[in-house]
PDB file of N, CA and C in Angstrom:
ATOM      1  N   MET A   1      34.392  -8.696 -50.985  1.00  0.00           N
ATOM      2  CA  MET A   1      33.907  -9.973 -51.419  1.00  0.00           C
ATOM      3  C   MET A   1      32.730  -9.845 -52.314  1.00  0.00           C
ATOM      4  N   PRO A   2      32.657 -10.647 -53.369  1.00  0.00           N
ATOM      5  CA  PRO A   2      31.437 -10.642 -54.229  1.00  0.00           C
ATOM      6  C   PRO A   2      30.234 -11.016 -53.427  1.00  0.00           C
ATOM      7  N   GLU A   3      29.056 -10.558 -53.876  1.00  0.00           N
ATOM      8  CA  GLU A   3      27.809 -10.888 -53.166  1.00  0.00           C
ATOM      9  C   GLU A   3      27.592 -12.409 -53.117  1.00  0.00           C
ATOM     10  N   GLY A   4      27.142 -12.886 -52.018  1.00  0.00           N
ATOM     11  CA  GLY A   4      26.848 -14.328 -51.938  1.00  0.00           C
ATOM     12  C   GLY A   4      28.070 -15.166 -51.535  1.00  0.00           C
ATOM     13  N   VAL A   5      29.268 -14.569 -51.368  1.00  0.00           N
ATOM     14  CA  VAL A   5      30.469 -15.278 -50.990  1.00  0.00           C
ATOM     15  C   VAL A   5      30.832 -14.894 -49.570  1.00  0.00           C
ATOM     16  N   SER A   6      31.063 -15.914 -48.732  1.00  0.00           N
ATOM     17  CA  SER A   6      31.388 -15.664 -47.334  1.00  0.00           C
ATOM     18  C   SER A   6      32.863 -16.025 -47.115  1.00  0.00           C
ATOM     19  N   ASP A   7      33.356 -15.418 -46.064  1.00  0.00           N
ATOM     20  CA  ASP A   7      34.750 -15.726 -45.639  1.00  0.00           C
ATOM     21  C   ASP A   7      34.834 -17.140 -45.103  1.00  0.00           C
ATOM     22  N   GLY A   8      35.965 -17.731 -45.184  1.00  0.00           N
ATOM     23  CA  GLY A   8      36.216 -19.093 -44.592  1.00  0.00           C
ATOM     24  C   GLY A   8      37.055 -19.916 -45.498  1.00  0.00           C
ATOM     25  N   PRO A   9      37.454 -21.058 -44.961  1.00  0.00           N
ATOM     26  CA  PRO A   9      38.352 -21.973 -45.783  1.00  0.00           C
ATOM     27  C   PRO A   9      37.547 -22.651 -46.866  1.00  0.00           C
ATOM     28  N   VAL A  10      38.281 -22.832 -47.997  1.00  0.00           N
ATOM     29  CA  VAL A  10      37.674 -23.526 -49.131  1.00  0.00           C
ATOM     30  C   VAL A  10      38.678 -24.520 -49.696  1.00  0.00           C
ATOM     31  N   SER A  11      38.195 -25.450 -50.489  1.00  0.00           N
ATOM     32  CA  SER A  11      39.077 -26.315 -51.278  1.00  0.00           C
ATOM     33  C   SER A  11      38.846 -25.983 -52.762  1.00  0.00           C
ATOM     34  N   VAL A  12      39.906 -25.938 -53.523  1.00  0.00           N
ATOM     35  CA  VAL A  12      39.816 -25.617 -54.922  1.00  0.00           C
ATOM     36  C   VAL A  12      40.142 -26.910 -55.703  1.00  0.00           C
ATOM     37  N   LEU A  13      39.246 -27.305 -56.617  1.00  0.00           N
ATOM     38  CA  LEU A  13      39.418 -28.581 -57.366  1.00  0.00           C
ATOM     39  C   LEU A  13      39.587 -28.202 -58.833  1.00  0.00           C
ATOM     40  N   VAL A  14      40.592 -28.831 -59.424  1.00  0.00           N
ATOM     41  CA  VAL A  14      40.837 -28.670 -60.856  1.00  0.00           C
ATOM     42  C   VAL A  14      41.287 -30.006 -61.432  1.00  0.00           C
ATOM     43  N   ARG A  15      40.670 -30.462 -62.499  1.00  0.00           N
ATOM     44  CA  ARG A  15      41.086 -31.752 -63.147  1.00  0.00           C
ATOM     45  C   ARG A  15      42.469 -31.553 -63.746  1.00  0.00           C
ATOM     46  N   PRO A  16      43.326 -32.564 -63.675  1.00  0.00           N
ATOM     47  CA  PRO A  16      44.736 -32.400 -64.199  1.00  0.00           C
ATOM     48  C   PRO A  16      44.802 -31.968 -65.650  1.00  0.00           C
ATOM     49  N   GLU A  17      43.852 -32.365 -66.476  1.00  0.00           N
ATOM     50  CA  GLU A  17      43.903 -32.015 -67.929  1.00  0.00           C
ATOM     51  C   GLU A  17      43.432 -30.589 -68.179  1.00  0.00           C
ATOM     52  N   HIS A  18      42.955 -29.882 -67.155  1.00  0.00           N
ATOM     53  CA  HIS A  18      42.514 -28.490 -67.293  1.00  0.00           C
ATOM     54  C   HIS A  18      43.598 -27.491 -67.005  1.00  0.00           C
ATOM     55  N   GLY A  19      44.772 -27.940 -66.652  1.00  0.00           N
ATOM     56  CA  GLY A  19      45.881 -27.094 -66.360  1.00  0.00           C
ATOM     57  C   GLY A  19      46.870 -27.099 -67.572  1.00  0.00           C
ATOM     58  N   HIS A  20      47.403 -25.924 -67.921  1.00  0.00           N
ATOM     59  CA  HIS A  20      48.396 -25.866 -69.000  1.00  0.00           C
ATOM     60  C   HIS A  20      49.707 -25.378 -68.382  1.00  0.00           C
ATOM     61  N   VAL A  21      50.788 -26.122 -68.552  1.00  0.00           N
ATOM     62  CA  VAL A  21      52.103 -25.754 -67.988  1.00  0.00           C
ATOM     63  C   VAL A  21      53.006 -25.296 -69.085  1.00  0.00           C
ATOM     64  N   ARG A  22      53.746 -24.258 -68.782  1.00  0.00           N
ATOM     65  CA  ARG A  22      54.811 -23.831 -69.726  1.00  0.00           C
ATOM     66  C   ARG A  22      56.035 -23.532 -68.858  1.00  0.00           C
ATOM     67  N   ALA A  23      57.197 -23.659 -69.425  1.00  0.00           N
ATOM     68  CA  ALA A  23      58.436 -23.361 -68.738  1.00  0.00           C
ATOM     69  C   ALA A  23      58.562 -21.817 -68.636  1.00  0.00           C
ATOM     70  N   GLY A  24      59.134 -21.377 -67.540  1.00  0.00           N
ATOM     71  CA  GLY A  24      59.392 -19.940 -67.321  1.00  0.00           C
ATOM     72  C   GLY A  24      58.585 -19.348 -66.207  1.00  0.00           C
ATOM     73  N   GLU A  25      58.773 -18.052 -66.052  1.00  0.00           N
ATOM     74  CA  GLU A  25      58.079 -17.321 -64.950  1.00  0.00           C
ATOM     75  C   GLU A  25      56.653 -17.084 -65.292  1.00  0.00           C
ATOM     76  N   ALA A  26      55.790 -17.066 -64.289  1.00  0.00           N
ATOM     77  CA  ALA A  26      54.354 -16.849 -64.435  1.00  0.00           C
ATOM     78  C   ALA A  26      54.051 -15.423 -64.882  1.00  0.00           C
ATOM     79  N   GLY A  27      53.121 -15.253 -65.799  1.00  0.00           N
ATOM     80  CA  GLY A  27      52.677 -13.991 -66.235  1.00  0.00           C
ATOM     81  C   GLY A  27      51.291 -13.695 -65.598  1.00  0.00           C
ATOM     82  N   GLU A  28      50.631 -12.707 -66.108  1.00  0.00           N
ATOM     83  CA  GLU A  28      49.313 -12.299 -65.610  1.00  0.00           C
ATOM     84  C   GLU A  28      48.324 -13.457 -65.797  1.00  0.00           C
ATOM     85  N   GLY A  29      47.634 -13.767 -64.693  1.00  0.00           N
ATOM     86  CA  GLY A  29      46.583 -14.794 -64.726  1.00  0.00           C
ATOM     87  C   GLY A  29      47.132 -16.210 -64.600  1.00  0.00           C
ATOM     88  N   GLU A  30      48.428 -16.375 -64.331  1.00  0.00           N
ATOM     89  CA  GLU A  30      49.047 -17.673 -64.152  1.00  0.00           C
ATOM     90  C   GLU A  30      49.576 -17.839 -62.718  1.00  0.00           C
ATOM     91  N   LEU A  31      49.761 -19.086 -62.309  1.00  0.00           N
ATOM     92  CA  LEU A  31      50.316 -19.388 -61.017  1.00  0.00           C
ATOM     93  C   LEU A  31      51.776 -19.779 -61.187  1.00  0.00           C
ATOM     94  N   SER A  32      52.649 -19.346 -60.302  1.00  0.00           N
ATOM     95  CA  SER A  32      54.042 -19.727 -60.402  1.00  0.00           C
ATOM     96  C   SER A  32      54.328 -20.992 -59.654  1.00  0.00           C
ATOM     97  N   ALA A  33      55.205 -21.798 -60.205  1.00  0.00           N
ATOM     98  CA  ALA A  33      55.453 -23.113 -59.651  1.00  0.00           C
ATOM     99  C   ALA A  33      56.886 -23.578 -59.956  1.00  0.00           C
ATOM    100  N   THR A  34      57.310 -24.631 -59.289  1.00  0.00           N
ATOM    101  CA  THR A  34      58.535 -25.311 -59.559  1.00  0.00           C
ATOM    102  C   THR A  34      58.224 -26.708 -60.006  1.00  0.00           C
ATOM    103  N   ILE A  35      58.852 -27.211 -61.035  1.00  0.00           N
ATOM    104  CA  ILE A  35      58.585 -28.564 -61.557  1.00  0.00           C
ATOM    105  C   ILE A  35      59.282 -29.578 -60.689  1.00  0.00           C
ATOM    106  N   GLU A  36      58.509 -30.497 -60.163  1.00  0.00           N
ATOM    107  CA  GLU A  36      59.069 -31.579 -59.331  1.00  0.00           C
ATOM    108  C   GLU A  36      59.425 -32.813 -60.186  1.00  0.00           C
ATOM    109  N   THR A  37      58.502 -33.244 -61.023  1.00  0.00           N
ATOM    110  CA  THR A  37      58.760 -34.319 -61.919  1.00  0.00           C
ATOM    111  C   THR A  37      58.037 -34.173 -63.240  1.00  0.00           C
ATOM    112  N   VAL A  38      58.566 -34.727 -64.303  1.00  0.00           N
ATOM    113  CA  VAL A  38      57.936 -34.752 -65.606  1.00  0.00           C
ATOM    114  C   VAL A  38      57.915 -36.185 -66.096  1.00  0.00           C
ATOM    115  N   VAL A  39      56.725 -36.670 -66.422  1.00  0.00           N
ATOM    116  CA  VAL A  39      56.591 -38.086 -66.822  1.00  0.00           C
ATOM    117  C   VAL A  39      55.943 -38.072 -68.204  1.00  0.00           C
ATOM    118  N   TYR A  40      56.742 -38.523 -69.183  1.00  0.00           N
ATOM    119  CA  TYR A  40      56.270 -38.645 -70.586  1.00  0.00           C
ATOM    120  C   TYR A  40      55.708 -40.008 -70.715  1.00  0.00           C
ATOM    121  N   SER A  41      54.446 -40.083 -71.232  1.00  0.00           N
ATOM    122  CA  SER A  41      53.832 -41.431 -71.424  1.00  0.00           C
ATOM    123  C   SER A  41      53.069 -41.458 -72.757  1.00  0.00           C
ATOM    124  N   GLY A  42      53.791 -41.521 -73.828  1.00  0.00           N
ATOM    125  CA  GLY A  42      53.183 -41.615 -75.131  1.00  0.00           C
ATOM    126  C   GLY A  42      52.505 -40.342 -75.583  1.00  0.00           C
ATOM    127  N   GLU A  43      51.176 -40.316 -75.569  1.00  0.00           N
ATOM    128  CA  GLU A  43      50.461 -39.190 -76.082  1.00  0.00           C
ATOM    129  C   GLU A  43      50.292 -38.035 -75.087  1.00  0.00           C
ATOM    130  N   ALA A  44      50.771 -38.234 -73.856  1.00  0.00           N
ATOM    131  CA  ALA A  44      50.561 -37.192 -72.822  1.00  0.00           C
ATOM    132  C   ALA A  44      51.790 -37.048 -71.953  1.00  0.00           C
ATOM    133  N   THR A  45      51.971 -35.872 -71.328  1.00  0.00           N
ATOM    134  CA  THR A  45      52.978 -35.642 -70.358  1.00  0.00           C
ATOM    135  C   THR A  45      52.316 -35.200 -69.073  1.00  0.00           C
ATOM    136  N   THR A  46      52.686 -35.829 -67.946  1.00  0.00           N
ATOM    137  CA  THR A  46      52.138 -35.448 -66.639  1.00  0.00           C
ATOM    138  C   THR A  46      53.288 -34.713 -65.917  1.00  0.00           C
ATOM    139  N   THR A  47      52.964 -33.550 -65.437  1.00  0.00           N
ATOM    140  CA  THR A  47      53.946 -32.701 -64.764  1.00  0.00           C
ATOM    141  C   THR A  47      53.468 -32.460 -63.338  1.00  0.00           C
ATOM    142  N   HIS A  48      54.336 -32.814 -62.358  1.00  0.00           N
ATOM    143  CA  HIS A  48      54.004 -32.589 -60.957  1.00  0.00           C
ATOM    144  C   HIS A  48      54.660 -31.298 -60.557  1.00  0.00           C
ATOM    145  N   LEU A  49      53.870 -30.372 -60.098  1.00  0.00           N
ATOM    146  CA  LEU A  49      54.322 -28.999 -59.723  1.00  0.00           C
ATOM    147  C   LEU A  49      54.188 -28.728 -58.263  1.00  0.00           C
ATOM    148  N   ARG A  50      55.078 -27.903 -57.743  1.00  0.00           N
ATOM    149  CA  ARG A  50      54.948 -27.354 -56.365  1.00  0.00           C
ATOM    150  C   ARG A  50      54.644 -25.877 -56.580  1.00  0.00           C
ATOM    151  N   LEU A  51      53.431 -25.471 -56.309  1.00  0.00           N
ATOM    152  CA  LEU A  51      53.007 -24.116 -56.446  1.00  0.00           C
ATOM    153  C   LEU A  51      53.820 -23.213 -55.488  1.00  0.00           C
ATOM    154  N   SER A  52      53.867 -21.938 -55.783  1.00  0.00           N
ATOM    155  CA  SER A  52      54.613 -20.995 -54.919  1.00  0.00           C
ATOM    156  C   SER A  52      53.954 -20.919 -53.536  1.00  0.00           C
ATOM    157  N   THR A  53      52.708 -21.288 -53.442  1.00  0.00           N
ATOM    158  CA  THR A  53      51.974 -21.311 -52.138  1.00  0.00           C
ATOM    159  C   THR A  53      52.240 -22.601 -51.322  1.00  0.00           C
ATOM    160  N   GLY A  54      52.974 -23.543 -51.933  1.00  0.00           N
ATOM    161  CA  GLY A  54      53.314 -24.809 -51.256  1.00  0.00           C
ATOM    162  C   GLY A  54      52.507 -25.983 -51.633  1.00  0.00           C
ATOM    163  N   GLU A  55      51.349 -25.771 -52.276  1.00  0.00           N
ATOM    164  CA  GLU A  55      50.479 -26.915 -52.652  1.00  0.00           C
ATOM    165  C   GLU A  55      51.081 -27.683 -53.831  1.00  0.00           C
ATOM    166  N   LEU A  56      50.698 -28.943 -53.981  1.00  0.00           N
ATOM    167  CA  LEU A  56      51.094 -29.742 -55.099  1.00  0.00           C
ATOM    168  C   LEU A  56      49.985 -29.695 -56.164  1.00  0.00           C
ATOM    169  N   PHE A  57      50.373 -29.761 -57.438  1.00  0.00           N
ATOM    170  CA  PHE A  57      49.395 -29.778 -58.520  1.00  0.00           C
ATOM    171  C   PHE A  57      49.950 -30.703 -59.608  1.00  0.00           C
ATOM    172  N   LYS A  58      49.124 -31.558 -60.135  1.00  0.00           N
ATOM    173  CA  LYS A  58      49.501 -32.459 -61.179  1.00  0.00           C
ATOM    174  C   LYS A  58      48.734 -32.042 -62.458  1.00  0.00           C
ATOM    175  N   ALA A  59      49.525 -31.697 -63.512  1.00  0.00           N
ATOM    176  CA  ALA A  59      48.901 -31.322 -64.801  1.00  0.00           C
ATOM    177  C   ALA A  59      49.152 -32.414 -65.820  1.00  0.00           C
ATOM    178  N   ARG A  60      48.183 -32.703 -66.630  1.00  0.00           N
ATOM    179  CA  ARG A  60      48.353 -33.695 -67.719  1.00  0.00           C
ATOM    180  C   ARG A  60      47.998 -33.040 -69.014  1.00  0.00           C
ATOM    181  N   MET A  61      48.970 -32.970 -69.925  1.00  0.00           N
ATOM    182  CA  MET A  61      48.769 -32.331 -71.189  1.00  0.00           C
ATOM    183  C   MET A  61      49.103 -33.270 -72.350  1.00  0.00           C
ATOM    184  N   ALA A  62      48.277 -33.162 -73.384  1.00  0.00           N
ATOM    185  CA  ALA A  62      48.559 -33.918 -74.611  1.00  0.00           C
ATOM    186  C   ALA A  62      49.852 -33.470 -75.218  1.00  0.00           C
ATOM    187  N   ASN A  63      50.629 -34.347 -75.766  1.00  0.00           N
ATOM    188  CA  ASN A  63      51.866 -34.004 -76.395  1.00  0.00           C
ATOM    189  C   ASN A  63      51.604 -33.462 -77.787  1.00  0.00           C
ATOM    190  N   ARG A  64      51.791 -32.149 -77.941  1.00  0.00           N
ATOM    191  CA  ARG A  64      51.641 -31.514 -79.212  1.00  0.00           C
ATOM    192  C   ARG A  64      52.903 -30.684 -79.508  1.00  0.00           C
ATOM    193  N   PRO A  65      53.751 -31.170 -80.392  1.00  0.00           N
ATOM    194  CA  PRO A  65      55.024 -30.492 -80.655  1.00  0.00           C
ATOM    195  C   PRO A  65      54.851 -29.026 -80.974  1.00  0.00           C
ATOM    196  N   SER A  66      53.758 -28.653 -81.661  1.00  0.00           N
ATOM    197  CA  SER A  66      53.573 -27.245 -82.059  1.00  0.00           C
ATOM    198  C   SER A  66      53.308 -26.344 -80.869  1.00  0.00           C
ATOM    199  N   GLU A  67      52.973 -26.899 -79.692  1.00  0.00           N
ATOM    200  CA  GLU A  67      52.709 -26.102 -78.512  1.00  0.00           C
ATOM    201  C   GLU A  67      53.888 -25.995 -77.571  1.00  0.00           C
ATOM    202  N   GLY A  68      55.003 -26.513 -77.959  1.00  0.00           N
ATOM    203  CA  GLY A  68      56.183 -26.423 -77.088  1.00  0.00           C
ATOM    204  C   GLY A  68      56.044 -27.374 -75.928  1.00  0.00           C
ATOM    205  N   GLY A  69      56.548 -26.999 -74.785  1.00  0.00           N
ATOM    206  CA  GLY A  69      56.520 -27.861 -73.580  1.00  0.00           C
ATOM    207  C   GLY A  69      57.764 -28.649 -73.397  1.00  0.00           C
ATOM    208  N   GLY A  70      58.643 -28.718 -74.393  1.00  0.00           N
ATOM    209  CA  GLY A  70      59.850 -29.459 -74.372  1.00  0.00           C
ATOM    210  C   GLY A  70      60.879 -28.897 -73.366  1.00  0.00           C
ATOM    211  N   ASP A  71      60.679 -27.691 -72.906  1.00  0.00           N
ATOM    212  CA  ASP A  71      61.620 -27.038 -71.926  1.00  0.00           C
ATOM    213  C   ASP A  71      61.302 -27.401 -70.505  1.00  0.00           C
ATOM    214  N   LEU A  72      60.325 -28.229 -70.270  1.00  0.00           N
ATOM    215  CA  LEU A  72      59.940 -28.580 -68.909  1.00  0.00           C
ATOM    216  C   LEU A  72      60.957 -29.580 -68.360  1.00  0.00           C
ATOM    217  N   HIS A  73      61.575 -29.235 -67.238  1.00  0.00           N
ATOM    218  CA  HIS A  73      62.526 -30.152 -66.590  1.00  0.00           C
ATOM    219  C   HIS A  73      62.494 -30.002 -65.041  1.00  0.00           C
ATOM    220  N   GLU A  74      62.806 -31.076 -64.409  1.00  0.00           N
ATOM    221  CA  GLU A  74      62.802 -31.084 -62.938  1.00  0.00           C
ATOM    222  C   GLU A  74      63.640 -29.948 -62.341  1.00  0.00           C
ATOM    223  N   GLY A  75      63.026 -29.244 -61.397  1.00  0.00           N
ATOM    224  CA  GLY A  75      63.685 -28.136 -60.762  1.00  0.00           C
ATOM    225  C   GLY A  75      63.500 -26.800 -61.433  1.00  0.00           C
ATOM    226  N   GLY A  76      62.956 -26.846 -62.659  1.00  0.00           N
ATOM    227  CA  GLY A  76      62.778 -25.586 -63.405  1.00  0.00           C
ATOM    228  C   GLY A  76      61.538 -24.801 -62.959  1.00  0.00           C
ATOM    229  N   ALA A  77      61.562 -23.509 -63.314  1.00  0.00           N
ATOM    230  CA  ALA A  77      60.421 -22.664 -63.072  1.00  0.00           C
ATOM    231  C   ALA A  77      59.349 -22.914 -64.101  1.00  0.00           C
ATOM    232  N   ALA A  78      58.081 -22.845 -63.679  1.00  0.00           N
ATOM    233  CA  ALA A  78      56.985 -23.083 -64.577  1.00  0.00           C
ATOM    234  C   ALA A  78      55.818 -22.130 -64.263  1.00  0.00           C
ATOM    235  N   ALA A  79      54.996 -21.941 -65.251  1.00  0.00           N
ATOM    236  CA  ALA A  79      53.780 -21.159 -65.108  1.00  0.00           C
ATOM    237  C   ALA A  79      52.612 -22.082 -65.333  1.00  0.00           C
ATOM    238  N   LEU A  80      51.606 -22.031 -64.478  1.00  0.00           N
ATOM    239  CA  LEU A  80      50.404 -22.823 -64.585  1.00  0.00           C
ATOM    240  C   LEU A  80      49.232 -21.972 -64.946  1.00  0.00           C
ATOM    241  N   GLY A  81      48.646 -22.246 -66.092  1.00  0.00           N
ATOM    242  CA  GLY A  81      47.411 -21.561 -66.506  1.00  0.00           C
ATOM    243  C   GLY A  81      46.251 -22.517 -66.359  1.00  0.00           C
ATOM    244  N   LEU A  82      45.072 -21.986 -66.005  1.00  0.00           N
ATOM    245  CA  LEU A  82      43.891 -22.821 -65.865  1.00  0.00           C
ATOM    246  C   LEU A  82      42.810 -22.285 -66.828  1.00  0.00           C
ATOM    247  N   ALA A  83      42.202 -23.213 -67.482  1.00  0.00           N
ATOM    248  CA  ALA A  83      41.139 -22.868 -68.441  1.00  0.00           C
ATOM    249  C   ALA A  83      39.971 -22.200 -67.715  1.00  0.00           C
ATOM    250  N   PRO A  84      39.376 -21.205 -68.406  1.00  0.00           N
ATOM    251  CA  PRO A  84      38.237 -20.515 -67.774  1.00  0.00           C
ATOM    252  C   PRO A  84      37.138 -21.518 -67.442  1.00  0.00           C
ATOM    253  N   GLY A  85      36.576 -21.404 -66.225  1.00  0.00           N
ATOM    254  CA  GLY A  85      35.545 -22.340 -65.808  1.00  0.00           C
ATOM    255  C   GLY A  85      36.040 -23.678 -65.310  1.00  0.00           C
ATOM    256  N   ALA A  86      37.326 -23.875 -65.286  1.00  0.00           N
ATOM    257  CA  ALA A  86      37.889 -25.180 -64.892  1.00  0.00           C
ATOM    258  C   ALA A  86      38.021 -25.405 -63.404  1.00  0.00           C
ATOM    259  N   VAL A  87      37.778 -24.333 -62.640  1.00  0.00           N
ATOM    260  CA  VAL A  87      37.984 -24.364 -61.216  1.00  0.00           C
ATOM    261  C   VAL A  87      36.631 -24.585 -60.482  1.00  0.00           C
ATOM    262  N   THR A  88      36.612 -25.566 -59.556  1.00  0.00           N
ATOM    263  CA  THR A  88      35.430 -25.750 -58.689  1.00  0.00           C
ATOM    264  C   THR A  88      35.877 -25.421 -57.251  1.00  0.00           C
ATOM    265  N   VAL A  89      35.107 -24.564 -56.618  1.00  0.00           N
ATOM    266  CA  VAL A  89      35.413 -24.167 -55.234  1.00  0.00           C
ATOM    267  C   VAL A  89      34.373 -24.773 -54.265  1.00  0.00           C
ATOM    268  N   LEU A  90      34.860 -25.499 -53.276  1.00  0.00           N
ATOM    269  CA  LEU A  90      33.975 -26.123 -52.268  1.00  0.00           C
ATOM    270  C   LEU A  90      34.327 -25.544 -50.917  1.00  0.00           C
ATOM    271  N   ARG A  91      33.312 -25.248 -50.145  1.00  0.00           N
ATOM    272  CA  ARG A  91      33.527 -24.743 -48.783  1.00  0.00           C
ATOM    273  C   ARG A  91      33.979 -25.935 -47.923  1.00  0.00           C
ATOM    274  N   ASP A  92      35.035 -25.698 -47.153  1.00  0.00           N
ATOM    275  CA  ASP A  92      35.515 -26.818 -46.236  1.00  0.00           C
ATOM    276  C   ASP A  92      34.559 -27.002 -45.115  1.00  0.00           C
TER     277      ASP A  92
END
């Protein structure tokens, strides 16, 4: 464990817009997930994911055709990337 970090349960908080979802298997530094729902709402798409650990995660991404994302579909495999510094860890 890093210095100053103790064992015990924690909660990890990430704002939905700080997650980036892409279709396919997770690579290095990404979390693997299954897509539960995809909701297109004008300028953004909200994707509800079930992480491989069982937790639910909601990602909200701006719709940018140049970045792909069109392959996201319910039941499909997805990779979740988190922006550096986007994670807040709280001790339970």
